[in-house]
N, C-alpha and C. Protein backbone atom coordinates (compact mmCIF):
# COMPACT_ATOMS: atom_id res chain seq x y z
N MET A 1 -65.69 12.96 0.59
CA MET A 1 -66.58 11.80 0.48
C MET A 1 -67.74 12.14 -0.42
N GLN A 2 -67.93 11.37 -1.47
CA GLN A 2 -68.99 11.64 -2.43
C GLN A 2 -70.08 10.59 -2.28
N ASN A 3 -71.24 10.99 -1.77
CA ASN A 3 -72.34 10.06 -1.64
C ASN A 3 -73.01 9.85 -2.98
N ALA A 4 -73.76 8.77 -3.11
CA ALA A 4 -74.46 8.46 -4.35
C ALA A 4 -75.50 9.53 -4.64
N PRO A 5 -75.80 9.77 -5.93
CA PRO A 5 -76.85 10.73 -6.27
C PRO A 5 -78.19 10.32 -5.68
N GLY A 6 -79.05 11.31 -5.46
CA GLY A 6 -80.39 11.01 -4.99
C GLY A 6 -81.14 10.18 -6.00
N PRO A 7 -82.04 9.32 -5.57
CA PRO A 7 -82.77 8.45 -6.49
C PRO A 7 -83.70 9.23 -7.41
N ALA A 8 -83.78 8.78 -8.65
CA ALA A 8 -84.74 9.38 -9.58
C ALA A 8 -86.15 9.05 -9.12
N SER A 9 -87.01 10.05 -9.10
CA SER A 9 -88.36 9.85 -8.58
C SER A 9 -89.29 9.24 -9.61
N SER A 10 -88.91 9.28 -10.87
CA SER A 10 -89.80 8.77 -11.92
C SER A 10 -88.99 8.55 -13.19
N LYS A 11 -89.48 7.70 -14.06
CA LYS A 11 -88.84 7.53 -15.37
C LYS A 11 -89.12 8.72 -16.27
N SER A 12 -90.16 9.48 -15.96
CA SER A 12 -90.49 10.66 -16.75
C SER A 12 -89.62 11.83 -16.31
N PRO A 13 -88.90 12.48 -17.24
CA PRO A 13 -88.09 13.64 -16.84
C PRO A 13 -88.92 14.72 -16.16
N ALA A 14 -90.07 15.03 -16.69
CA ALA A 14 -90.89 16.11 -16.12
C ALA A 14 -91.31 15.79 -14.69
N GLU A 15 -91.70 14.54 -14.45
CA GLU A 15 -92.11 14.15 -13.10
C GLU A 15 -90.93 14.18 -12.13
N HIS A 16 -89.77 13.75 -12.63
CA HIS A 16 -88.58 13.80 -11.77
C HIS A 16 -88.20 15.23 -11.44
N PHE A 17 -88.25 16.11 -12.43
CA PHE A 17 -87.90 17.51 -12.20
C PHE A 17 -88.86 18.14 -11.18
N GLN A 18 -90.14 17.81 -11.30
CA GLN A 18 -91.12 18.34 -10.35
C GLN A 18 -90.85 17.82 -8.94
N GLY A 19 -90.54 16.53 -8.84
CA GLY A 19 -90.25 15.95 -7.54
C GLY A 19 -89.00 16.56 -6.91
N TYR A 20 -87.97 16.78 -7.73
CA TYR A 20 -86.74 17.41 -7.26
C TYR A 20 -87.05 18.81 -6.72
N SER A 21 -87.82 19.57 -7.49
CA SER A 21 -88.17 20.93 -7.08
C SER A 21 -88.95 20.94 -5.77
N GLN A 22 -89.87 19.98 -5.63
CA GLN A 22 -90.67 19.91 -4.41
C GLN A 22 -89.82 19.58 -3.20
N ARG A 23 -88.87 18.66 -3.36
CA ARG A 23 -87.99 18.31 -2.25
C ARG A 23 -87.11 19.49 -1.85
N LEU A 24 -86.58 20.21 -2.84
CA LEU A 24 -85.75 21.37 -2.55
C LEU A 24 -86.55 22.47 -1.85
N CYS A 25 -87.74 22.74 -2.35
CA CYS A 25 -88.58 23.78 -1.74
C CYS A 25 -88.98 23.42 -0.31
N ALA A 26 -89.36 22.15 -0.10
CA ALA A 26 -89.75 21.72 1.24
C ALA A 26 -88.58 21.85 2.21
N LEU A 27 -87.39 21.52 1.74
CA LEU A 27 -86.20 21.62 2.58
C LEU A 27 -85.93 23.06 2.99
N LEU A 28 -86.01 23.99 2.03
CA LEU A 28 -85.75 25.39 2.34
C LEU A 28 -86.82 25.98 3.26
N LEU A 29 -88.07 25.59 3.05
CA LEU A 29 -89.15 26.11 3.89
C LEU A 29 -89.03 25.65 5.33
N GLY A 30 -88.43 24.47 5.53
CA GLY A 30 -88.31 23.94 6.88
C GLY A 30 -86.96 24.19 7.52
N LEU A 31 -86.07 24.92 6.85
CA LEU A 31 -84.71 25.11 7.33
C LEU A 31 -84.67 26.05 8.54
N ASP A 32 -83.77 25.76 9.46
CA ASP A 32 -83.51 26.66 10.58
C ASP A 32 -82.61 27.79 10.08
N TRP A 33 -83.16 28.99 9.98
CA TRP A 33 -82.43 30.10 9.38
C TRP A 33 -81.57 30.86 10.38
N ALA A 34 -81.65 30.52 11.66
CA ALA A 34 -80.88 31.26 12.67
C ALA A 34 -79.37 31.23 12.41
N PRO A 35 -78.77 30.05 12.12
CA PRO A 35 -77.33 30.07 11.85
C PRO A 35 -76.97 30.78 10.54
N VAL A 36 -77.89 30.81 9.58
CA VAL A 36 -77.64 31.53 8.33
C VAL A 36 -77.61 33.03 8.60
N VAL A 37 -78.50 33.49 9.48
CA VAL A 37 -78.49 34.90 9.88
C VAL A 37 -77.16 35.24 10.55
N ARG A 38 -76.66 34.34 11.39
CA ARG A 38 -75.37 34.57 12.05
C ARG A 38 -74.24 34.67 11.03
N LEU A 39 -74.28 33.79 10.02
CA LEU A 39 -73.26 33.83 8.97
C LEU A 39 -73.34 35.16 8.21
N ALA A 40 -74.55 35.57 7.85
CA ALA A 40 -74.71 36.84 7.13
C ALA A 40 -74.14 38.00 7.95
N GLU A 41 -74.44 38.03 9.23
CA GLU A 41 -73.98 39.12 10.07
C GLU A 41 -72.46 39.08 10.26
N ASP A 42 -71.90 37.88 10.38
CA ASP A 42 -70.45 37.77 10.53
C ASP A 42 -69.73 38.16 9.24
N LEU A 43 -70.29 37.78 8.08
CA LEU A 43 -69.70 38.19 6.81
C LEU A 43 -69.77 39.71 6.65
N CYS A 44 -70.85 40.28 7.08
CA CYS A 44 -70.99 41.75 7.03
C CYS A 44 -69.93 42.40 7.91
N ASP A 45 -69.70 41.82 9.08
CA ASP A 45 -68.69 42.36 9.99
C ASP A 45 -67.28 42.20 9.41
N CYS A 46 -67.03 41.06 8.73
CA CYS A 46 -65.74 40.88 8.05
C CYS A 46 -65.56 41.95 6.98
N TRP A 47 -66.61 42.25 6.29
CA TRP A 47 -66.55 43.28 5.24
C TRP A 47 -66.21 44.65 5.85
N ARG A 48 -66.87 44.98 6.93
CA ARG A 48 -66.63 46.27 7.57
C ARG A 48 -65.20 46.38 8.10
N SER A 49 -64.70 45.30 8.67
CA SER A 49 -63.41 45.33 9.36
C SER A 49 -62.23 44.97 8.46
N GLY A 50 -62.50 44.40 7.28
CA GLY A 50 -61.42 43.99 6.40
C GLY A 50 -60.84 42.63 6.73
N ARG A 51 -61.49 41.87 7.62
CA ARG A 51 -61.01 40.53 7.93
C ARG A 51 -61.25 39.60 6.74
N GLN A 52 -60.41 38.59 6.61
CA GLN A 52 -60.47 37.69 5.47
C GLN A 52 -61.54 36.61 5.64
N VAL A 53 -62.01 36.12 4.49
CA VAL A 53 -62.98 35.02 4.44
C VAL A 53 -62.39 33.94 3.55
N PHE A 54 -62.27 32.74 4.08
CA PHE A 54 -61.75 31.59 3.34
C PHE A 54 -62.87 30.57 3.15
N LEU A 55 -62.91 29.95 1.97
CA LEU A 55 -63.93 28.94 1.66
C LEU A 55 -63.24 27.68 1.19
N CYS A 56 -63.83 26.52 1.50
CA CYS A 56 -63.23 25.27 1.04
C CYS A 56 -64.30 24.20 0.85
N GLY A 57 -63.95 23.19 0.06
CA GLY A 57 -64.83 22.06 -0.21
C GLY A 57 -64.19 21.19 -1.27
N ASN A 58 -64.78 20.05 -1.54
CA ASN A 58 -64.27 19.09 -2.52
C ASN A 58 -65.29 18.87 -3.63
N GLY A 59 -64.79 18.59 -4.83
CA GLY A 59 -65.68 18.28 -5.94
C GLY A 59 -66.61 19.43 -6.25
N GLY A 60 -67.91 19.15 -6.30
CA GLY A 60 -68.88 20.21 -6.55
C GLY A 60 -68.83 21.29 -5.49
N SER A 61 -68.53 20.90 -4.26
CA SER A 61 -68.40 21.89 -3.18
C SER A 61 -67.18 22.78 -3.38
N ALA A 62 -66.12 22.25 -4.01
CA ALA A 62 -64.96 23.07 -4.35
C ALA A 62 -65.35 24.12 -5.39
N GLY A 63 -66.13 23.69 -6.38
CA GLY A 63 -66.63 24.63 -7.37
C GLY A 63 -67.50 25.70 -6.74
N ASN A 64 -68.33 25.31 -5.79
CA ASN A 64 -69.18 26.28 -5.10
C ASN A 64 -68.34 27.25 -4.27
N ALA A 65 -67.25 26.74 -3.67
CA ALA A 65 -66.38 27.61 -2.89
C ALA A 65 -65.76 28.69 -3.78
N ALA A 66 -65.28 28.28 -4.97
CA ALA A 66 -64.71 29.26 -5.90
C ALA A 66 -65.76 30.25 -6.39
N HIS A 67 -66.95 29.73 -6.68
CA HIS A 67 -68.06 30.56 -7.14
C HIS A 67 -68.39 31.63 -6.10
N MET A 68 -68.51 31.22 -4.84
CA MET A 68 -68.93 32.16 -3.82
C MET A 68 -67.81 33.11 -3.42
N ALA A 69 -66.55 32.67 -3.51
CA ALA A 69 -65.44 33.59 -3.27
C ALA A 69 -65.50 34.73 -4.30
N ASN A 70 -65.82 34.38 -5.54
CA ASN A 70 -66.01 35.40 -6.58
C ASN A 70 -67.15 36.34 -6.22
N ASP A 71 -68.28 35.78 -5.83
CA ASP A 71 -69.46 36.61 -5.55
C ASP A 71 -69.25 37.54 -4.36
N PHE A 72 -68.49 37.08 -3.36
CA PHE A 72 -68.22 37.92 -2.20
C PHE A 72 -67.14 38.97 -2.49
N LEU A 73 -66.30 38.70 -3.48
CA LEU A 73 -65.22 39.63 -3.82
C LEU A 73 -65.71 40.80 -4.67
N TYR A 74 -66.51 40.51 -5.71
CA TYR A 74 -66.91 41.58 -6.62
C TYR A 74 -68.42 41.81 -6.73
N PRO A 75 -69.23 40.81 -7.13
CA PRO A 75 -70.66 41.10 -7.30
C PRO A 75 -71.36 41.61 -6.04
N VAL A 76 -70.78 41.33 -4.86
CA VAL A 76 -71.40 41.79 -3.61
C VAL A 76 -71.45 43.32 -3.53
N SER A 77 -70.57 44.00 -4.28
CA SER A 77 -70.53 45.45 -4.25
C SER A 77 -70.49 46.08 -5.64
N LYS A 78 -69.74 45.44 -6.56
CA LYS A 78 -69.52 45.96 -7.90
C LYS A 78 -68.88 47.35 -7.88
N ARG A 79 -68.05 47.56 -6.85
CA ARG A 79 -67.31 48.80 -6.76
C ARG A 79 -65.85 48.47 -6.48
N LYS A 80 -64.95 49.13 -7.16
CA LYS A 80 -63.54 48.82 -7.03
C LYS A 80 -63.06 49.02 -5.60
N GLY A 81 -62.40 47.98 -5.06
CA GLY A 81 -61.86 48.05 -3.72
C GLY A 81 -62.87 47.90 -2.61
N SER A 82 -64.10 47.50 -2.94
CA SER A 82 -65.16 47.51 -1.94
C SER A 82 -65.69 46.13 -1.58
N GLY A 83 -65.14 45.04 -2.13
CA GLY A 83 -65.65 43.71 -1.82
C GLY A 83 -65.02 43.10 -0.59
N LEU A 84 -65.52 41.92 -0.22
CA LEU A 84 -64.92 41.18 0.87
C LEU A 84 -63.57 40.61 0.42
N ARG A 85 -62.68 40.41 1.37
CA ARG A 85 -61.38 39.79 1.10
C ARG A 85 -61.57 38.27 1.15
N ALA A 86 -62.17 37.72 0.10
CA ALA A 86 -62.58 36.33 0.07
C ALA A 86 -61.67 35.51 -0.83
N ARG A 87 -61.39 34.28 -0.41
CA ARG A 87 -60.49 33.41 -1.16
C ARG A 87 -60.95 31.96 -1.00
N ALA A 88 -61.00 31.24 -2.12
CA ALA A 88 -61.32 29.81 -2.09
C ALA A 88 -60.03 29.01 -2.00
N LEU A 89 -59.92 28.14 -1.02
CA LEU A 89 -58.72 27.33 -0.84
C LEU A 89 -58.62 26.21 -1.87
N SER A 90 -59.66 26.06 -2.67
CA SER A 90 -59.68 25.02 -3.70
C SER A 90 -59.24 25.53 -5.07
N GLU A 91 -58.85 26.79 -5.18
CA GLU A 91 -58.73 27.39 -6.51
C GLU A 91 -57.33 27.31 -7.13
N ASN A 92 -56.29 27.08 -6.36
CA ASN A 92 -54.93 27.11 -6.90
C ASN A 92 -54.42 25.69 -7.08
N ALA A 93 -54.41 25.22 -8.33
CA ALA A 93 -54.04 23.83 -8.62
C ALA A 93 -52.59 23.55 -8.22
N ALA A 94 -51.71 24.52 -8.39
CA ALA A 94 -50.31 24.30 -8.03
C ALA A 94 -50.16 24.08 -6.53
N VAL A 95 -50.83 24.90 -5.74
CA VAL A 95 -50.76 24.76 -4.28
C VAL A 95 -51.38 23.44 -3.84
N ILE A 96 -52.54 23.11 -4.40
CA ILE A 96 -53.24 21.89 -3.99
C ILE A 96 -52.41 20.65 -4.32
N THR A 97 -51.84 20.60 -5.53
CA THR A 97 -51.07 19.42 -5.90
C THR A 97 -49.76 19.35 -5.15
N CYS A 98 -49.16 20.48 -4.84
CA CYS A 98 -47.94 20.49 -4.03
C CYS A 98 -48.22 19.95 -2.63
N LEU A 99 -49.22 20.50 -1.97
CA LEU A 99 -49.54 20.05 -0.62
C LEU A 99 -50.03 18.62 -0.61
N GLY A 100 -50.84 18.26 -1.61
CA GLY A 100 -51.32 16.89 -1.69
C GLY A 100 -50.19 15.90 -1.84
N ASN A 101 -49.20 16.27 -2.64
CA ASN A 101 -48.06 15.39 -2.89
C ASN A 101 -47.13 15.31 -1.67
N ASP A 102 -46.85 16.47 -1.06
CA ASP A 102 -45.86 16.51 0.01
C ASP A 102 -46.43 16.22 1.40
N GLU A 103 -47.66 16.67 1.65
CA GLU A 103 -48.23 16.57 2.99
C GLU A 103 -49.43 15.63 3.08
N GLY A 104 -50.00 15.28 1.93
CA GLY A 104 -51.18 14.43 1.92
C GLY A 104 -52.43 15.25 1.66
N TYR A 105 -53.39 14.62 0.99
CA TYR A 105 -54.61 15.33 0.58
C TYR A 105 -55.40 15.87 1.77
N ASP A 106 -55.28 15.23 2.91
CA ASP A 106 -56.01 15.69 4.10
C ASP A 106 -55.58 17.09 4.53
N GLU A 107 -54.37 17.52 4.12
CA GLU A 107 -53.81 18.78 4.61
C GLU A 107 -53.86 19.92 3.58
N ILE A 108 -54.54 19.72 2.44
CA ILE A 108 -54.48 20.73 1.38
C ILE A 108 -55.12 22.06 1.78
N PHE A 109 -56.06 22.04 2.70
CA PHE A 109 -56.68 23.29 3.15
C PHE A 109 -56.04 23.80 4.44
N SER A 110 -55.72 22.91 5.36
CA SER A 110 -55.20 23.33 6.66
C SER A 110 -53.86 24.04 6.53
N PHE A 111 -52.98 23.55 5.63
CA PHE A 111 -51.68 24.20 5.46
C PHE A 111 -51.84 25.59 4.85
N GLN A 112 -52.81 25.78 3.98
CA GLN A 112 -53.05 27.11 3.43
C GLN A 112 -53.53 28.08 4.51
N LEU A 113 -54.43 27.60 5.36
CA LEU A 113 -54.91 28.46 6.45
C LEU A 113 -53.77 28.83 7.39
N ALA A 114 -52.90 27.86 7.68
CA ALA A 114 -51.79 28.13 8.59
C ALA A 114 -50.89 29.23 8.05
N ALA A 115 -50.77 29.33 6.73
CA ALA A 115 -49.90 30.34 6.11
C ALA A 115 -50.60 31.67 5.88
N LEU A 116 -51.90 31.65 5.63
CA LEU A 116 -52.59 32.84 5.13
C LEU A 116 -53.55 33.48 6.13
N ALA A 117 -54.14 32.69 7.01
CA ALA A 117 -55.22 33.18 7.87
C ALA A 117 -54.68 33.74 9.18
N ALA A 118 -55.53 34.51 9.83
CA ALA A 118 -55.18 35.12 11.12
C ALA A 118 -56.38 35.03 12.06
N LYS A 119 -56.10 35.23 13.31
CA LYS A 119 -57.15 35.24 14.32
C LYS A 119 -58.24 36.24 13.93
N GLY A 120 -59.49 35.83 14.01
CA GLY A 120 -60.60 36.70 13.67
C GLY A 120 -61.09 36.55 12.25
N ASP A 121 -60.30 35.92 11.38
CA ASP A 121 -60.77 35.63 10.02
C ASP A 121 -61.88 34.59 10.08
N LEU A 122 -62.56 34.37 8.96
CA LEU A 122 -63.71 33.46 8.92
C LEU A 122 -63.47 32.35 7.91
N LEU A 123 -63.79 31.13 8.30
CA LEU A 123 -63.76 29.98 7.39
C LEU A 123 -65.18 29.52 7.13
N LEU A 124 -65.52 29.34 5.86
CA LEU A 124 -66.81 28.78 5.46
C LEU A 124 -66.53 27.50 4.68
N ALA A 125 -66.89 26.37 5.27
CA ALA A 125 -66.64 25.06 4.66
C ALA A 125 -67.93 24.51 4.07
N PHE A 126 -67.80 23.90 2.90
CA PHE A 126 -68.92 23.23 2.24
C PHE A 126 -68.63 21.72 2.22
N SER A 127 -69.57 20.92 2.69
CA SER A 127 -69.40 19.48 2.62
C SER A 127 -70.76 18.80 2.61
N GLY A 128 -71.02 18.00 1.56
CA GLY A 128 -72.29 17.28 1.52
C GLY A 128 -72.40 16.29 2.66
N SER A 129 -71.33 15.52 2.89
CA SER A 129 -71.36 14.47 3.91
C SER A 129 -70.97 14.97 5.29
N GLY A 130 -70.12 15.99 5.35
CA GLY A 130 -69.59 16.46 6.62
C GLY A 130 -68.45 15.61 7.14
N ASN A 131 -67.94 14.70 6.32
CA ASN A 131 -66.89 13.78 6.77
C ASN A 131 -65.61 13.84 5.94
N SER A 132 -65.51 14.78 5.01
CA SER A 132 -64.29 14.90 4.21
C SER A 132 -63.13 15.28 5.13
N ARG A 133 -62.07 14.47 5.11
CA ARG A 133 -61.00 14.64 6.08
C ARG A 133 -60.27 15.98 5.92
N ASN A 134 -60.13 16.45 4.70
CA ASN A 134 -59.43 17.73 4.54
C ASN A 134 -60.28 18.90 5.04
N VAL A 135 -61.60 18.76 4.96
CA VAL A 135 -62.49 19.77 5.53
C VAL A 135 -62.42 19.73 7.06
N LEU A 136 -62.39 18.54 7.62
CA LEU A 136 -62.28 18.40 9.08
C LEU A 136 -60.97 19.00 9.57
N ARG A 137 -59.87 18.75 8.84
CA ARG A 137 -58.58 19.32 9.24
C ARG A 137 -58.60 20.84 9.12
N ALA A 138 -59.30 21.36 8.12
CA ALA A 138 -59.41 22.82 7.98
C ALA A 138 -60.16 23.41 9.17
N LEU A 139 -61.23 22.76 9.58
CA LEU A 139 -61.99 23.24 10.74
C LEU A 139 -61.16 23.19 12.01
N GLU A 140 -60.36 22.14 12.16
CA GLU A 140 -59.48 22.04 13.32
C GLU A 140 -58.43 23.15 13.30
N GLU A 141 -57.87 23.42 12.12
CA GLU A 141 -56.86 24.48 12.01
C GLU A 141 -57.48 25.84 12.28
N ALA A 142 -58.69 26.06 11.79
CA ALA A 142 -59.37 27.32 12.05
C ALA A 142 -59.54 27.54 13.55
N ARG A 143 -59.88 26.49 14.27
CA ARG A 143 -60.03 26.61 15.73
C ARG A 143 -58.68 26.95 16.38
N ARG A 144 -57.62 26.30 15.90
CA ARG A 144 -56.29 26.54 16.46
C ARG A 144 -55.87 27.99 16.25
N LEU A 145 -56.22 28.54 15.11
CA LEU A 145 -55.83 29.90 14.76
C LEU A 145 -56.72 30.97 15.39
N GLY A 146 -57.84 30.58 15.97
CA GLY A 146 -58.77 31.56 16.52
C GLY A 146 -59.69 32.17 15.49
N MET A 147 -59.91 31.44 14.39
CA MET A 147 -60.87 31.88 13.37
C MET A 147 -62.28 31.51 13.79
N LYS A 148 -63.27 32.13 13.16
CA LYS A 148 -64.66 31.73 13.32
C LYS A 148 -64.99 30.80 12.16
N SER A 149 -65.58 29.65 12.45
CA SER A 149 -65.84 28.68 11.38
C SER A 149 -67.32 28.38 11.24
N TYR A 150 -67.75 28.30 9.99
CA TYR A 150 -69.09 27.88 9.61
C TYR A 150 -68.95 26.70 8.65
N ALA A 151 -69.96 25.83 8.62
CA ALA A 151 -69.97 24.72 7.68
C ALA A 151 -71.40 24.46 7.23
N ILE A 152 -71.61 24.45 5.91
CA ILE A 152 -72.92 24.11 5.35
C ILE A 152 -72.86 22.63 4.98
N LEU A 153 -73.70 21.82 5.62
CA LEU A 153 -73.57 20.37 5.60
C LEU A 153 -74.87 19.68 5.25
N GLY A 154 -74.78 18.60 4.47
CA GLY A 154 -75.95 17.78 4.16
C GLY A 154 -75.96 16.50 4.98
N TYR A 155 -76.79 15.55 4.57
CA TYR A 155 -76.91 14.24 5.23
C TYR A 155 -77.05 14.42 6.75
N SER A 156 -76.28 13.69 7.54
CA SER A 156 -76.38 13.79 9.01
C SER A 156 -75.57 14.95 9.55
N GLY A 157 -74.78 15.59 8.70
CA GLY A 157 -73.86 16.64 9.15
C GLY A 157 -72.48 16.11 9.42
N GLY A 158 -72.35 14.80 9.62
CA GLY A 158 -71.05 14.17 9.82
C GLY A 158 -70.28 14.75 10.99
N GLN A 159 -68.97 14.50 10.98
CA GLN A 159 -68.11 14.98 12.06
C GLN A 159 -67.95 16.49 12.04
N ALA A 160 -68.13 17.10 10.88
CA ALA A 160 -67.98 18.56 10.76
C ALA A 160 -69.03 19.31 11.57
N LYS A 161 -70.15 18.67 11.82
CA LYS A 161 -71.23 19.33 12.57
C LYS A 161 -70.77 19.70 13.97
N ALA A 162 -69.93 18.86 14.56
CA ALA A 162 -69.43 19.14 15.91
C ALA A 162 -68.19 20.03 15.89
N LEU A 163 -67.43 20.01 14.77
CA LEU A 163 -66.19 20.77 14.71
C LEU A 163 -66.40 22.25 14.36
N ALA A 164 -67.41 22.54 13.55
CA ALA A 164 -67.65 23.93 13.15
C ALA A 164 -68.19 24.73 14.33
N ASP A 165 -67.77 25.98 14.44
CA ASP A 165 -68.33 26.84 15.48
C ASP A 165 -69.84 27.00 15.28
N VAL A 166 -70.24 27.17 14.01
CA VAL A 166 -71.66 27.31 13.69
C VAL A 166 -71.97 26.41 12.49
N PRO A 167 -72.53 25.22 12.73
CA PRO A 167 -72.93 24.38 11.61
C PRO A 167 -74.27 24.83 11.04
N ILE A 168 -74.38 24.81 9.72
CA ILE A 168 -75.65 25.05 9.05
C ILE A 168 -76.03 23.71 8.43
N HIS A 169 -76.87 22.98 9.12
CA HIS A 169 -77.18 21.60 8.73
C HIS A 169 -78.42 21.57 7.85
N VAL A 170 -78.25 21.02 6.66
CA VAL A 170 -79.34 20.85 5.70
C VAL A 170 -79.63 19.35 5.65
N PRO A 171 -80.59 18.88 6.41
CA PRO A 171 -80.78 17.44 6.60
C PRO A 171 -81.46 16.74 5.43
N ILE A 172 -80.68 16.40 4.42
CA ILE A 172 -81.23 15.68 3.28
C ILE A 172 -80.18 14.70 2.75
N ASP A 173 -80.63 13.49 2.43
CA ASP A 173 -79.73 12.45 1.91
C ASP A 173 -79.72 12.50 0.39
N ASP A 174 -79.28 13.62 -0.14
CA ASP A 174 -79.23 13.84 -1.58
C ASP A 174 -78.08 14.81 -1.84
N MET A 175 -77.00 14.32 -2.45
CA MET A 175 -75.81 15.15 -2.62
C MET A 175 -76.08 16.36 -3.49
N GLN A 176 -76.88 16.19 -4.56
CA GLN A 176 -77.11 17.31 -5.46
C GLN A 176 -77.90 18.42 -4.78
N ILE A 177 -78.93 18.06 -4.03
CA ILE A 177 -79.70 19.09 -3.32
C ILE A 177 -78.86 19.70 -2.20
N ALA A 178 -78.05 18.89 -1.54
CA ALA A 178 -77.16 19.43 -0.51
C ALA A 178 -76.23 20.48 -1.11
N GLU A 179 -75.70 20.20 -2.30
CA GLU A 179 -74.82 21.18 -2.95
C GLU A 179 -75.60 22.38 -3.47
N ASP A 180 -76.84 22.16 -3.90
CA ASP A 180 -77.68 23.29 -4.31
C ASP A 180 -77.84 24.29 -3.16
N THR A 181 -78.05 23.77 -1.96
CA THR A 181 -78.31 24.66 -0.82
C THR A 181 -77.09 25.50 -0.47
N GLN A 182 -75.89 25.01 -0.78
CA GLN A 182 -74.69 25.81 -0.53
C GLN A 182 -74.76 27.12 -1.30
N THR A 183 -75.08 27.03 -2.59
CA THR A 183 -75.12 28.25 -3.40
C THR A 183 -76.37 29.07 -3.10
N ILE A 184 -77.49 28.41 -2.84
CA ILE A 184 -78.73 29.16 -2.54
C ILE A 184 -78.54 30.00 -1.29
N ILE A 185 -78.03 29.39 -0.22
CA ILE A 185 -77.82 30.12 1.04
C ILE A 185 -76.85 31.29 0.82
N CYS A 186 -75.75 31.03 0.11
CA CYS A 186 -74.77 32.09 -0.09
C CYS A 186 -75.26 33.17 -1.03
N HIS A 187 -76.06 32.80 -2.03
CA HIS A 187 -76.62 33.82 -2.91
C HIS A 187 -77.62 34.70 -2.16
N MET A 188 -78.39 34.10 -1.26
CA MET A 188 -79.28 34.90 -0.42
C MET A 188 -78.49 35.91 0.40
N ILE A 189 -77.41 35.43 1.02
CA ILE A 189 -76.56 36.31 1.83
C ILE A 189 -75.93 37.39 0.97
N MET A 190 -75.44 37.01 -0.22
CA MET A 190 -74.79 37.98 -1.10
C MET A 190 -75.76 39.10 -1.49
N GLN A 191 -77.01 38.74 -1.80
CA GLN A 191 -77.98 39.77 -2.16
C GLN A 191 -78.26 40.70 -0.99
N TRP A 192 -78.32 40.12 0.23
CA TRP A 192 -78.55 40.95 1.42
C TRP A 192 -77.36 41.88 1.64
N LEU A 193 -76.14 41.34 1.50
CA LEU A 193 -74.95 42.16 1.66
C LEU A 193 -74.90 43.29 0.63
N TYR A 194 -75.29 42.97 -0.60
CA TYR A 194 -75.30 43.99 -1.66
C TYR A 194 -76.19 45.17 -1.26
N ALA A 195 -77.30 44.87 -0.61
CA ALA A 195 -78.22 45.93 -0.19
C ALA A 195 -77.61 46.80 0.91
N GLN A 196 -76.56 46.31 1.59
CA GLN A 196 -75.91 47.09 2.65
C GLN A 196 -74.69 47.85 2.15
N ARG A 197 -74.37 47.74 0.88
CA ARG A 197 -73.06 48.20 0.40
C ARG A 197 -72.81 49.68 0.63
N ASP A 198 -73.82 50.52 0.57
CA ASP A 198 -73.60 51.95 0.77
C ASP A 198 -73.21 52.28 2.20
N GLU A 199 -73.59 51.41 3.15
CA GLU A 199 -73.28 51.65 4.56
C GLU A 199 -71.95 51.02 4.97
N ILE A 200 -71.38 50.17 4.10
CA ILE A 200 -70.20 49.41 4.49
C ILE A 200 -68.92 49.98 3.93
N ALA A 201 -68.86 50.15 2.62
CA ALA A 201 -67.60 50.59 2.01
C ALA A 201 -67.87 51.48 0.81
N ALA A 202 -67.27 52.64 0.84
CA ALA A 202 -67.40 53.55 -0.31
C ALA A 202 -66.45 53.11 -1.41
N PRO A 203 -66.78 53.39 -2.66
CA PRO A 203 -65.88 53.04 -3.76
C PRO A 203 -64.59 53.85 -3.68
N VAL A 204 -63.54 53.30 -4.25
CA VAL A 204 -62.26 54.00 -4.30
C VAL A 204 -62.40 55.24 -5.17
N ALA A 205 -61.96 56.37 -4.65
CA ALA A 205 -62.09 57.62 -5.39
C ALA A 205 -61.15 57.62 -6.59
N THR A 206 -61.60 58.21 -7.65
CA THR A 206 -60.76 58.34 -8.86
C THR A 206 -59.80 59.51 -8.67
N ALA A 207 -58.53 59.25 -8.98
CA ALA A 207 -57.53 60.31 -8.84
C ALA A 207 -57.80 61.44 -9.82
N PRO A 208 -57.59 62.67 -9.42
CA PRO A 208 -57.84 63.80 -10.34
C PRO A 208 -56.88 63.76 -11.51
N THR A 209 -57.36 64.20 -12.65
CA THR A 209 -56.53 64.20 -13.86
C THR A 209 -56.09 65.61 -14.20
C-alpha cells in the first residue's frame, strides 16, 4: 500500500527542505528506542549464532530491504566470512514473478520463508502503512515457523503492528519520512554492530602458501 507523499510545506524549496528536516529530527528525538535496542541485540545474537536474517518490503521499502541486507552482510564487518547471514526477500526477480504469477502477490515473501527459513531465524519487515498484504503474510509465516519478527512501520502501524513480535512504530503520516527511518534505524544498528565485530567473529584465516 503506497500512501500519498507528505504535503509540501512551502513553495520555496529551501523552506520545504528545512521543514522536512525539522519533522524528521523531531520524530527521531521523540522515538521510543526500546524496541530498536531489542532489534540490535537480536541481530547481534543472530550474528554470533549464525542464524539467518530475512528482510522484506514493497517499493521503496523493498529497496531498503536490499540495501540493509547488503549492509548486514558485508559493511557490518568488512571481513571475509564474518557478516550476518542476511537476505532480502525482494531481491530475486525470477522468484518474485514466479510466486506472484503462480501463488499470488500476497504470497511472494511467505513462500520464500517457508522454503528458506528455520525456527530461531529473524524477519525484519519494512512497511510504511503496515497494511501490505504480502508483508502481513510474511509475518504470519514467521510466527508459524517460530521465527522472531520485527517490523518498522509508519502511519498508524496498520495490521502489522499487532502481527510483529516487536513492532517499531514511527508515528508519522508521511511515506518518505517513514521510509527514511527504516534506513536511519538500520544504519544506526549497523554502526553499533560494526563496533562489536572483534568480539563476534574473527576473519577467515588465509591458507598458508
